[in-house]
Protein backbone atom coordinates (compact mmCIF):
# COMPACT_ATOMS: atom_id res chain seq x y z
CA UNK A 1 -56.29 45.99 -37.46
CA UNK A 2 -58.27 47.34 -34.60
CA UNK A 3 -57.12 48.73 -31.22
CA UNK A 4 -58.53 47.49 -27.95
CA UNK A 5 -59.68 50.05 -25.25
CA UNK A 6 -56.31 49.57 -23.56
CA UNK A 7 -54.43 50.61 -26.74
CA UNK A 8 -53.21 47.09 -27.66
CA UNK A 9 -54.04 45.77 -31.20
CA UNK A 10 -55.22 42.42 -32.35
CA UNK A 11 -55.24 40.57 -35.63
CA UNK A 12 -58.64 40.54 -37.37
CA UNK A 13 -57.33 38.98 -40.74
CA UNK A 14 -54.04 37.49 -42.09
CA UNK A 15 -52.94 40.72 -43.85
CA UNK A 16 -52.91 42.48 -40.36
CA UNK A 17 -49.82 40.39 -39.62
CA UNK A 18 -48.11 41.80 -42.75
CA UNK A 19 -49.00 45.25 -41.69
CA UNK A 20 -46.98 44.78 -38.55
CA UNK A 21 -43.89 44.20 -40.72
CA UNK A 22 -44.00 47.49 -42.50
CA UNK A 23 -40.67 49.20 -42.41
CA UNK A 24 -39.07 45.93 -41.14
CA UNK A 25 -36.75 43.46 -42.99
CA UNK A 26 -38.67 40.54 -44.24
CA UNK A 27 -38.03 37.39 -45.98
CA UNK A 28 -40.16 36.54 -48.99
CA UNK A 29 -40.27 33.12 -50.81
CA UNK A 30 -41.38 33.35 -54.39
CA UNK A 31 -42.34 30.83 -57.04
CA UNK A 32 -39.59 29.72 -59.31
CA UNK A 33 -37.09 28.97 -56.49
CA UNK A 34 -36.37 32.59 -55.76
CA UNK A 35 -36.04 34.23 -52.24
CA UNK A 36 -35.92 37.93 -51.37
CA UNK A 37 -34.67 39.64 -48.23
CA UNK A 38 -35.45 43.32 -47.84
CA UNK A 39 -37.19 46.22 -46.14
CA UNK A 40 -41.09 46.12 -46.67
CA UNK A 41 -42.20 49.58 -47.75
CA UNK A 42 -45.77 48.82 -48.97
CA UNK A 43 -48.26 46.03 -49.70
CA UNK A 44 -51.76 45.59 -51.04
CA UNK A 45 -54.56 43.10 -50.78
CA UNK A 46 -53.18 41.01 -53.69
CA UNK A 47 -49.75 40.68 -51.76
CA UNK A 48 -48.10 42.97 -54.24
CA UNK A 49 -45.05 44.34 -52.37
CA UNK A 50 -42.60 47.21 -52.53
CA UNK A 51 -39.25 46.18 -51.03
CA UNK A 52 -36.21 48.34 -50.60
CA UNK A 53 -32.55 47.18 -50.13
CA UNK A 54 -33.28 43.84 -51.65
CA UNK A 55 -31.16 40.81 -51.77
CA UNK A 56 -32.49 38.26 -54.18
CA UNK A 57 -31.33 34.67 -54.35
CA UNK A 58 -32.15 32.44 -57.23
CA UNK A 59 -31.66 28.62 -56.89
CA UNK A 60 -31.18 26.49 -59.93
CA UNK A 61 -29.47 23.37 -61.39
CA UNK A 62 -26.62 23.27 -64.01
CA UNK A 63 -27.07 20.23 -66.05
CA UNK A 64 -24.04 18.87 -67.81
CA UNK A 65 -24.02 15.76 -69.91
CA UNK A 66 -22.67 13.63 -67.03
CA UNK A 67 -23.89 15.43 -63.83
CA UNK A 68 -26.12 17.90 -62.21
CA UNK A 69 -24.66 20.77 -60.06
CA UNK A 70 -26.71 22.98 -57.66
CA UNK A 71 -26.22 26.66 -58.58
CA UNK A 72 -27.04 29.88 -56.58
CA UNK A 73 -27.13 33.34 -58.00
CA UNK A 74 -27.46 36.38 -55.80
CA UNK A 75 -28.06 39.97 -56.80
CA UNK A 76 -28.98 43.33 -54.91
CA UNK A 77 -31.53 45.98 -55.88
CA UNK A 78 -32.19 49.29 -54.32
CA UNK A 79 -35.98 49.05 -54.79
CA UNK A 80 -38.23 46.24 -56.16
CA UNK A 81 -41.92 45.74 -56.99
CA UNK A 82 -42.97 42.11 -56.51
CA UNK A 83 -46.20 40.98 -58.22
CA UNK A 84 -48.43 39.25 -55.61
CA UNK A 85 -49.24 36.02 -57.54
CA UNK A 86 -45.60 35.06 -57.35
CA UNK A 87 -45.53 35.37 -53.46
CA UNK A 88 -45.59 32.08 -51.62
CA UNK A 89 -44.56 33.31 -48.13
CA UNK A 90 -43.81 36.44 -46.05
CA UNK A 91 -42.00 36.24 -42.90
CA UNK A 92 -40.15 38.47 -40.43
CA UNK A 93 -36.39 38.23 -41.00
CA UNK A 94 -35.06 35.93 -38.32
CA UNK A 95 -31.31 36.57 -37.50
CA UNK A 96 -29.14 33.37 -37.96
């Protein structure tokens, strides 16, 4: 990311947008119906991420003989390394 003469910054490539999210809470969508919400501490060009204070949500389906039931599992981690090839989306955390 480069600074203009007036001190403002512009986006030269997509990962510059991720750089703006460092030390902010982000929402990360992963393969396998998983979502993460946590503070972005570090990233690299492969989209490997280091997140802190992470809340992970896993969506699944319980299949009984007669019916299918949606199931959600949540868990928290103090620190998490996310492999970049599983990342689908990185977004700023939007309060609801």
